Amino acid sequence: MQESSAGAITGLLPILLMSVFVAIAAHLLAKEKGRNVLKWTILGCIPFVNILCIWFFIGAANLKLERKIDELTALLHQSNAKP
């Protein structure tokens, strides 16, 4: 019985290590793109779901940059509206 539990842990070890690395990547990408960091870090810890998280971040828009562009556009419209 001891050998089978050790073999099971050894078999799960690569999946768990990969989940930790993907969770760290999801945390950093969520912070960089202005997303909910806690939610994406937790989703990054779940095996197989975490791969979908990374795929999401590859195509996701950067919300921080979008907010800055919106602010600049609003300032531009304000300056053009004043005579």
PDB file of N, CA and C in Angstrom:
ATOM      1  N   MET A   1       0.826  -1.193   0.000  1.00  0.00           N
ATOM      2  CA  MET A   1       0.000   0.000   0.000  1.00  0.00           C
ATOM      3  C   MET A   1       0.870   1.256   0.000  1.00  0.00           C
ATOM      4  N   GLN A   2       1.969   1.222   0.675  1.00  0.00           N
ATOM      5  CA  GLN A   2       2.870   2.359   0.705  1.00  0.00           C
ATOM      6  C   GLN A   2       3.428   2.667  -0.680  1.00  0.00           C
ATOM      7  N   GLU A   3       3.739   1.637  -1.437  1.00  0.00           N
ATOM      8  CA  GLU A   3       4.311   1.835  -2.754  1.00  0.00           C
ATOM      9  C   GLU A   3       3.307   2.437  -3.724  1.00  0.00           C
ATOM     10  N   SER A   4       2.047   2.041  -3.638  1.00  0.00           N
ATOM     11  CA  SER A   4       1.048   2.578  -4.563  1.00  0.00           C
ATOM     12  C   SER A   4       0.750   4.047  -4.283  1.00  0.00           C
ATOM     13  N   SER A   5       0.734   4.446  -3.016  1.00  0.00           N
ATOM     14  CA  SER A   5       0.488   5.857  -2.711  1.00  0.00           C
ATOM     15  C   SER A   5       1.687   6.713  -3.117  1.00  0.00           C
ATOM     16  N   ALA A   6       2.891   6.176  -2.953  1.00  0.00           N
ATOM     17  CA  ALA A   6       4.074   6.918  -3.382  1.00  0.00           C
ATOM     18  C   ALA A   6       4.098   7.039  -4.901  1.00  0.00           C
ATOM     19  N   GLY A   7       3.662   6.007  -5.599  1.00  0.00           N
ATOM     20  CA  GLY A   7       3.610   6.060  -7.051  1.00  0.00           C
ATOM     21  C   GLY A   7       2.560   7.042  -7.544  1.00  0.00           C
ATOM     22  N   ALA A   8       1.456   7.131  -6.822  1.00  0.00           N
ATOM     23  CA  ALA A   8       0.402   8.073  -7.201  1.00  0.00           C
ATOM     24  C   ALA A   8       0.875   9.515  -7.021  1.00  0.00           C
ATOM     25  N   ILE A   9       1.576   9.749  -5.924  1.00  0.00           N
ATOM     26  CA  ILE A   9       2.098  11.107  -5.689  1.00  0.00           C
ATOM     27  C   ILE A   9       3.151  11.460  -6.733  1.00  0.00           C
ATOM     28  N   THR A  10       3.989  10.498  -7.053  1.00  0.00           N
ATOM     29  CA  THR A  10       5.011  10.733  -8.068  1.00  0.00           C
ATOM     30  C   THR A  10       4.379  10.988  -9.430  1.00  0.00           C
ATOM     31  N   GLY A  11       3.277  10.321  -9.706  1.00  0.00           N
ATOM     32  CA  GLY A  11       2.591  10.533 -10.977  1.00  0.00           C
ATOM     33  C   GLY A  11       1.914  11.894 -11.056  1.00  0.00           C
ATOM     34  N   LEU A  12       1.447  12.401  -9.929  1.00  0.00           N
ATOM     35  CA  LEU A  12       0.769  13.704  -9.903  1.00  0.00           C
ATOM     36  C   LEU A  12       1.737  14.877  -9.795  1.00  0.00           C
ATOM     37  N   LEU A  13       2.964  14.597  -9.413  1.00  0.00           N
ATOM     38  CA  LEU A  13       3.932  15.663  -9.198  1.00  0.00           C
ATOM     39  C   LEU A  13       4.146  16.559 -10.414  1.00  0.00           C
ATOM     40  N   PRO A  14       4.298  16.026 -11.629  1.00  0.00           N
ATOM     41  CA  PRO A  14       4.461  16.928 -12.784  1.00  0.00           C
ATOM     42  C   PRO A  14       3.252  17.827 -13.023  1.00  0.00           C
ATOM     43  N   ILE A  15       2.056  17.300 -12.819  1.00  0.00           N
ATOM     44  CA  ILE A  15       0.842  18.099 -13.013  1.00  0.00           C
ATOM     45  C   ILE A  15       0.775  19.214 -11.972  1.00  0.00           C
ATOM     46  N   LEU A  16       1.117  18.885 -10.728  1.00  0.00           N
ATOM     47  CA  LEU A  16       1.087  19.892  -9.672  1.00  0.00           C
ATOM     48  C   LEU A  16       2.139  20.974  -9.889  1.00  0.00           C
ATOM     49  N   LEU A  17       3.331  20.575 -10.305  1.00  0.00           N
ATOM     50  CA  LEU A  17       4.376  21.574 -10.579  1.00  0.00           C
ATOM     51  C   LEU A  17       3.995  22.480 -11.741  1.00  0.00           C
ATOM     52  N   MET A  18       3.401  21.886 -12.765  1.00  0.00           N
ATOM     53  CA  MET A  18       2.975  22.694 -13.907  1.00  0.00           C
ATOM     54  C   MET A  18       1.864  23.662 -13.488  1.00  0.00           C
ATOM     55  N   SER A  19       0.982  23.203 -12.611  1.00  0.00           N
ATOM     56  CA  SER A  19      -0.095  24.072 -12.135  1.00  0.00           C
ATOM     57  C   SER A  19       0.464  25.267 -11.369  1.00  0.00           C
ATOM     58  N   VAL A  20       1.510  25.054 -10.597  1.00  0.00           N
ATOM     59  CA  VAL A  20       2.117  26.162  -9.847  1.00  0.00           C
ATOM     60  C   VAL A  20       2.715  27.180 -10.815  1.00  0.00           C
ATOM     61  N   PHE A  21       3.435  26.706 -11.817  1.00  0.00           N
ATOM     62  CA  PHE A  21       4.039  27.622 -12.788  1.00  0.00           C
ATOM     63  C   PHE A  21       2.978  28.381 -13.588  1.00  0.00           C
ATOM     64  N   VAL A  22       1.910  27.690 -13.969  1.00  0.00           N
ATOM     65  CA  VAL A  22       0.846  28.350 -14.724  1.00  0.00           C
ATOM     66  C   VAL A  22       0.099  29.338 -13.830  1.00  0.00           C
ATOM     67  N   ALA A  23      -0.077  29.004 -12.548  1.00  0.00           N
ATOM     68  CA  ALA A  23      -0.734  29.931 -11.623  1.00  0.00           C
ATOM     69  C   ALA A  23       0.079  31.209 -11.467  1.00  0.00           C
ATOM     70  N   ILE A  24       1.392  31.073 -11.402  1.00  0.00           N
ATOM     71  CA  ILE A  24       2.255  32.266 -11.309  1.00  0.00           C
ATOM     72  C   ILE A  24       2.146  33.096 -12.584  1.00  0.00           C
ATOM     73  N   ALA A  25       2.140  32.421 -13.732  1.00  0.00           N
ATOM     74  CA  ALA A  25       2.008  33.141 -15.007  1.00  0.00           C
ATOM     75  C   ALA A  25       0.639  33.826 -15.095  1.00  0.00           C
ATOM     76  N   ALA A  26      -0.416  33.132 -14.662  1.00  0.00           N
ATOM     77  CA  ALA A  26      -1.755  33.724 -14.695  1.00  0.00           C
ATOM     78  C   ALA A  26      -1.829  34.931 -13.762  1.00  0.00           C
ATOM     79  N   HIS A  27      -1.184  34.838 -12.612  1.00  0.00           N
ATOM     80  CA  HIS A  27      -1.161  35.961 -11.668  1.00  0.00           C
ATOM     81  C   HIS A  27      -0.495  37.185 -12.298  1.00  0.00           C
ATOM     82  N   LEU A  28       0.662  36.967 -12.895  1.00  0.00           N
ATOM     83  CA  LEU A  28       1.395  38.081 -13.507  1.00  0.00           C
ATOM     84  C   LEU A  28       0.654  38.664 -14.704  1.00  0.00           C
ATOM     85  N   LEU A  29       0.061  37.799 -15.529  1.00  0.00           N
ATOM     86  CA  LEU A  29      -0.675  38.296 -16.694  1.00  0.00           C
ATOM     87  C   LEU A  29      -1.943  39.038 -16.283  1.00  0.00           C
ATOM     88  N   ALA A  30      -2.627  38.544 -15.244  1.00  0.00           N
ATOM     89  CA  ALA A  30      -3.827  39.231 -14.770  1.00  0.00           C
ATOM     90  C   ALA A  30      -3.485  40.614 -14.229  1.00  0.00           C
ATOM     91  N   LYS A  31      -2.384  40.696 -13.512  1.00  0.00           N
ATOM     92  CA  LYS A  31      -1.961  41.992 -12.976  1.00  0.00           C
ATOM     93  C   LYS A  31      -1.596  42.942 -14.109  1.00  0.00           C
ATOM     94  N   GLU A  32      -0.898  42.429 -15.103  1.00  0.00           N
ATOM     95  CA  GLU A  32      -0.459  43.265 -16.225  1.00  0.00           C
ATOM     96  C   GLU A  32      -1.626  43.735 -17.080  1.00  0.00           C
ATOM     97  N   LYS A  33      -2.630  42.890 -17.259  1.00  0.00           N
ATOM     98  CA  LYS A  33      -3.735  43.228 -18.151  1.00  0.00           C
ATOM     99  C   LYS A  33      -4.928  43.840 -17.430  1.00  0.00           C
ATOM    100  N   GLY A  34      -4.813  44.079 -16.123  1.00  0.00           N
ATOM    101  CA  GLY A  34      -5.870  44.767 -15.393  1.00  0.00           C
ATOM    102  C   GLY A  34      -7.064  43.887 -15.072  1.00  0.00           C
ATOM    103  N   ARG A  35      -6.856  42.621 -14.923  1.00  0.00           N
ATOM    104  CA  ARG A  35      -7.938  41.678 -14.594  1.00  0.00           C
ATOM    105  C   ARG A  35      -7.943  41.395 -13.096  1.00  0.00           C
ATOM    106  N   ASN A  36      -8.969  40.663 -12.625  1.00  0.00           N
ATOM    107  CA  ASN A  36      -9.081  40.270 -11.231  1.00  0.00           C
ATOM    108  C   ASN A  36      -7.973  39.261 -10.922  1.00  0.00           C
ATOM    109  N   VAL A  37      -6.977  39.683 -10.153  1.00  0.00           N
ATOM    110  CA  VAL A  37      -5.781  38.877  -9.924  1.00  0.00           C
ATOM    111  C   VAL A  37      -6.092  37.627  -9.111  1.00  0.00           C
ATOM    112  N   LEU A  38      -6.868  37.754  -8.059  1.00  0.00           N
ATOM    113  CA  LEU A  38      -7.169  36.603  -7.201  1.00  0.00           C
ATOM    114  C   LEU A  38      -7.931  35.534  -7.975  1.00  0.00           C
ATOM    115  N   LYS A  39      -8.929  35.949  -8.721  1.00  0.00           N
ATOM    116  CA  LYS A  39      -9.726  34.981  -9.485  1.00  0.00           C
ATOM    117  C   LYS A  39      -8.877  34.225 -10.494  1.00  0.00           C
ATOM    118  N   TRP A  40      -8.038  34.927 -11.230  1.00  0.00           N
ATOM    119  CA  TRP A  40      -7.240  34.270 -12.262  1.00  0.00           C
ATOM    120  C   TRP A  40      -6.110  33.447 -11.673  1.00  0.00           C
ATOM    121  N   THR A  41      -5.614  33.813 -10.497  1.00  0.00           N
ATOM    122  CA  THR A  41      -4.596  32.995  -9.837  1.00  0.00           C
ATOM    123  C   THR A  41      -5.200  31.684  -9.361  1.00  0.00           C
ATOM    124  N   ILE A  42      -6.397  31.750  -8.792  1.00  0.00           N
ATOM    125  CA  ILE A  42      -7.071  30.521  -8.353  1.00  0.00           C
ATOM    126  C   ILE A  42      -7.391  29.629  -9.547  1.00  0.00           C
ATOM    127  N   LEU A  43      -7.890  30.209 -10.631  1.00  0.00           N
ATOM    128  CA  LEU A  43      -8.162  29.410 -11.821  1.00  0.00           C
ATOM    129  C   LEU A  43      -6.880  28.836 -12.405  1.00  0.00           C
ATOM    130  N   GLY A  44      -5.782  29.537 -12.250  1.00  0.00           N
ATOM    131  CA  GLY A  44      -4.503  29.040 -12.731  1.00  0.00           C
ATOM    132  C   GLY A  44      -3.976  27.862 -11.937  1.00  0.00           C
ATOM    133  N   CYS A  45      -4.480  27.668 -10.728  1.00  0.00           N
ATOM    134  CA  CYS A  45      -4.058  26.533  -9.893  1.00  0.00           C
ATOM    135  C   CYS A  45      -4.769  25.233 -10.259  1.00  0.00           C
ATOM    136  N   ILE A  46      -5.891  25.315 -10.928  1.00  0.00           N
ATOM    137  CA  ILE A  46      -6.685  24.123 -11.239  1.00  0.00           C
ATOM    138  C   ILE A  46      -6.126  23.469 -12.497  1.00  0.00           C
ATOM    139  N   PRO A  47      -5.685  22.200 -12.366  1.00  0.00           N
ATOM    140  CA  PRO A  47      -5.116  21.526 -13.548  1.00  0.00           C
ATOM    141  C   PRO A  47      -6.127  21.455 -14.690  1.00  0.00           C
ATOM    142  N   PHE A  48      -5.658  21.576 -15.900  1.00  0.00           N
ATOM    143  CA  PHE A  48      -6.402  21.540 -17.156  1.00  0.00           C
ATOM    144  C   PHE A  48      -7.240  22.801 -17.380  1.00  0.00           C
ATOM    145  N   VAL A  49      -7.785  23.397 -16.333  1.00  0.00           N
ATOM    146  CA  VAL A  49      -8.480  24.683 -16.479  1.00  0.00           C
ATOM    147  C   VAL A  49      -7.437  25.771 -16.700  1.00  0.00           C
ATOM    148  N   ASN A  50      -6.270  25.573 -16.097  1.00  0.00           N
ATOM    149  CA  ASN A  50      -5.235  26.601 -16.189  1.00  0.00           C
ATOM    150  C   ASN A  50      -4.728  26.794 -17.614  1.00  0.00           C
ATOM    151  N   ILE A  51      -4.759  25.759 -18.415  1.00  0.00           N
ATOM    152  CA  ILE A  51      -4.346  25.905 -19.813  1.00  0.00           C
ATOM    153  C   ILE A  51      -5.330  26.823 -20.551  1.00  0.00           C
ATOM    154  N   LEU A  52      -6.612  26.687 -20.242  1.00  0.00           N
ATOM    155  CA  LEU A  52      -7.615  27.581 -20.842  1.00  0.00           C
ATOM    156  C   LEU A  52      -7.407  29.024 -20.386  1.00  0.00           C
ATOM    157  N   CYS A  53      -6.967  29.203 -19.150  1.00  0.00           N
ATOM    158  CA  CYS A  53      -6.688  30.554 -18.646  1.00  0.00           C
ATOM    159  C   CYS A  53      -5.574  31.217 -19.451  1.00  0.00           C
ATOM    160  N   ILE A  54      -4.525  30.470 -19.713  1.00  0.00           N
ATOM    161  CA  ILE A  54      -3.412  31.026 -20.484  1.00  0.00           C
ATOM    162  C   ILE A  54      -3.865  31.354 -21.904  1.00  0.00           C
ATOM    163  N   TRP A  55      -4.665  30.484 -22.502  1.00  0.00           N
ATOM    164  CA  TRP A  55      -5.194  30.769 -23.843  1.00  0.00           C
ATOM    165  C   TRP A  55      -6.033  32.041 -23.823  1.00  0.00           C
ATOM    166  N   PHE A  56      -6.799  32.247 -22.750  1.00  0.00           N
ATOM    167  CA  PHE A  56      -7.602  33.461 -22.635  1.00  0.00           C
ATOM    168  C   PHE A  56      -6.710  34.698 -22.618  1.00  0.00           C
ATOM    169  N   PHE A  57      -5.638  34.637 -21.827  1.00  0.00           N
ATOM    170  CA  PHE A  57      -4.767  35.796 -21.708  1.00  0.00           C
ATOM    171  C   PHE A  57      -4.004  36.097 -22.984  1.00  0.00           C
ATOM    172  N   ILE A  58      -3.783  35.112 -23.801  1.00  0.00           N
ATOM    173  CA  ILE A  58      -3.099  35.366 -25.068  1.00  0.00           C
ATOM    174  C   ILE A  58      -3.939  36.307 -25.936  1.00  0.00           C
ATOM    175  N   GLY A  59      -5.247  36.115 -25.951  1.00  0.00           N
ATOM    176  CA  GLY A  59      -6.105  36.926 -26.807  1.00  0.00           C
ATOM    177  C   GLY A  59      -6.829  38.048 -26.097  1.00  0.00           C
ATOM    178  N   ALA A  60      -6.688  38.129 -24.777  1.00  0.00           N
ATOM    179  CA  ALA A  60      -7.433  39.130 -24.011  1.00  0.00           C
ATOM    180  C   ALA A  60      -6.857  40.526 -24.218  1.00  0.00           C
ATOM    181  N   ALA A  61      -7.738  41.485 -24.211  1.00  0.00           N
ATOM    182  CA  ALA A  61      -7.317  42.883 -24.330  1.00  0.00           C
ATOM    183  C   ALA A  61      -6.719  43.356 -23.012  1.00  0.00           C
ATOM    184  N   ASN A  62      -5.835  44.307 -23.106  1.00  0.00           N
ATOM    185  CA  ASN A  62      -5.222  44.890 -21.927  1.00  0.00           C
ATOM    186  C   ASN A  62      -6.135  46.013 -21.438  1.00  0.00           C
ATOM    187  N   LEU A  63      -6.829  45.775 -20.324  1.00  0.00           N
ATOM    188  CA  LEU A  63      -7.802  46.743 -19.822  1.00  0.00           C
ATOM    189  C   LEU A  63      -7.144  48.034 -19.334  1.00  0.00           C
ATOM    190  N   LYS A  64      -5.928  47.928 -18.811  1.00  0.00           N
ATOM    191  CA  LYS A  64      -5.227  49.138 -18.364  1.00  0.00           C
ATOM    192  C   LYS A  64      -4.960  50.061 -19.546  1.00  0.00           C
ATOM    193  N   LEU A  65      -4.497  49.506 -20.651  1.00  0.00           N
ATOM    194  CA  LEU A  65      -4.231  50.326 -21.832  1.00  0.00           C
ATOM    195  C   LEU A  65      -5.516  50.884 -22.432  1.00  0.00           C
ATOM    196  N   GLU A  66      -6.585  50.085 -22.406  1.00  0.00           N
ATOM    197  CA  GLU A  66      -7.869  50.579 -22.925  1.00  0.00           C
ATOM    198  C   GLU A  66      -8.366  51.756 -22.108  1.00  0.00           C
ATOM    199  N   ARG A  67      -8.216  51.708 -20.779  1.00  0.00           N
ATOM    200  CA  ARG A  67      -8.632  52.836 -19.935  1.00  0.00           C
ATOM    201  C   ARG A  67      -7.819  54.089 -20.257  1.00  0.00           C
ATOM    202  N   LYS A  68      -6.515  53.916 -20.448  1.00  0.00           N
ATOM    203  CA  LYS A  68      -5.668  55.067 -20.788  1.00  0.00           C
ATOM    204  C   LYS A  68      -6.059  55.658 -22.134  1.00  0.00           C
ATOM    205  N   ILE A  69      -6.347  54.822 -23.102  1.00  0.00           N
ATOM    206  CA  ILE A  69      -6.770  55.303 -24.422  1.00  0.00           C
ATOM    207  C   ILE A  69      -8.098  56.035 -24.315  1.00  0.00           C
ATOM    208  N   ASP A  70      -9.026  55.508 -23.494  1.00  0.00           N
ATOM    209  CA  ASP A  70     -10.311  56.185 -23.305  1.00  0.00           C
ATOM    210  C   ASP A  70     -10.122  57.558 -22.665  1.00  0.00           C
ATOM    211  N   GLU A  71      -9.218  57.647 -21.686  1.00  0.00           N
ATOM    212  CA  GLU A  71      -8.958  58.940 -21.051  1.00  0.00           C
ATOM    213  C   GLU A  71      -8.354  59.933 -22.042  1.00  0.00           C
ATOM    214  N   LEU A  72      -7.419  59.476 -22.851  1.00  0.00           N
ATOM    215  CA  LEU A  72      -6.808  60.354 -23.847  1.00  0.00           C
ATOM    216  C   LEU A  72      -7.820  60.795 -24.903  1.00  0.00           C
ATOM    217  N   THR A  73      -8.687  59.887 -25.303  1.00  0.00           N
ATOM    218  CA  THR A  73      -9.721  60.229 -26.277  1.00  0.00           C
ATOM    219  C   THR A  73     -10.685  61.257 -25.701  1.00  0.00           C
ATOM    220  N   ALA A  74     -11.051  61.094 -24.418  1.00  0.00           N
ATOM    221  CA  ALA A  74     -11.943  62.060 -23.774  1.00  0.00           C
ATOM    222  C   ALA A  74     -11.271  63.428 -23.679  1.00  0.00           C
ATOM    223  N   LEU A  75      -9.987  63.453 -23.339  1.00  0.00           N
ATOM    224  CA  LEU A  75      -9.275  64.732 -23.284  1.00  0.00           C
ATOM    225  C   LEU A  75      -9.179  65.384 -24.653  1.00  0.00           C
ATOM    226  N   LEU A  76      -8.979  64.593 -25.665  1.00  0.00           N
ATOM    227  CA  LEU A  76      -8.911  65.113 -27.032  1.00  0.00           C
ATOM    228  C   LEU A  76     -10.238  65.718 -27.455  1.00  0.00           C
ATOM    229  N   HIS A  77     -11.341  65.034 -27.113  1.00  0.00           N
ATOM    230  CA  HIS A  77     -12.657  65.568 -27.464  1.00  0.00           C
ATOM    231  C   HIS A  77     -12.961  66.844 -26.688  1.00  0.00           C
ATOM    232  N   GLN A  78     -12.507  66.904 -25.421  1.00  0.00           N
ATOM    233  CA  GLN A  78     -12.718  68.121 -24.634  1.00  0.00           C
ATOM    234  C   GLN A  78     -11.944  69.297 -25.204  1.00  0.00           C
ATOM    235  N   SER A  79     -10.731  69.037 -25.625  1.00  0.00           N
ATOM    236  CA  SER A  79      -9.912  70.139 -26.154  1.00  0.00           C
ATOM    237  C   SER A  79     -10.431  70.595 -27.533  1.00  0.00           C
ATOM    238  N   ASN A  80     -11.003  69.697 -28.325  1.00  0.00           N
ATOM    239  CA  ASN A  80     -11.562  70.070 -29.607  1.00  0.00           C
ATOM    240  C   ASN A  80     -12.912  70.757 -29.476  1.00  0.00           C
ATOM    241  N   ALA A  81     -13.631  70.511 -28.383  1.00  0.00           N
ATOM    242  CA  ALA A  81     -14.944  71.101 -28.187  1.00  0.00           C
ATOM    243  C   ALA A  81     -14.845  72.562 -27.745  1.00  0.00           C
ATOM    244  N   LYS A  82     -13.771  72.934 -27.079  1.00  0.00           N
ATOM    245  CA  LYS A  82     -13.604  74.316 -26.616  1.00  0.00           C
ATOM    246  C   LYS A  82     -13.116  75.190 -27.773  1.00  0.00           C
ATOM    247  N   PRO A  83     -13.776  76.331 -27.995  1.00  0.00           N
ATOM    248  CA  PRO A  83     -13.364  77.232 -29.077  1.00  0.00           C
ATOM    249  C   PRO A  83     -12.158  78.040 -28.754  1.00  0.00           C
TER     250      PRO A  83
END
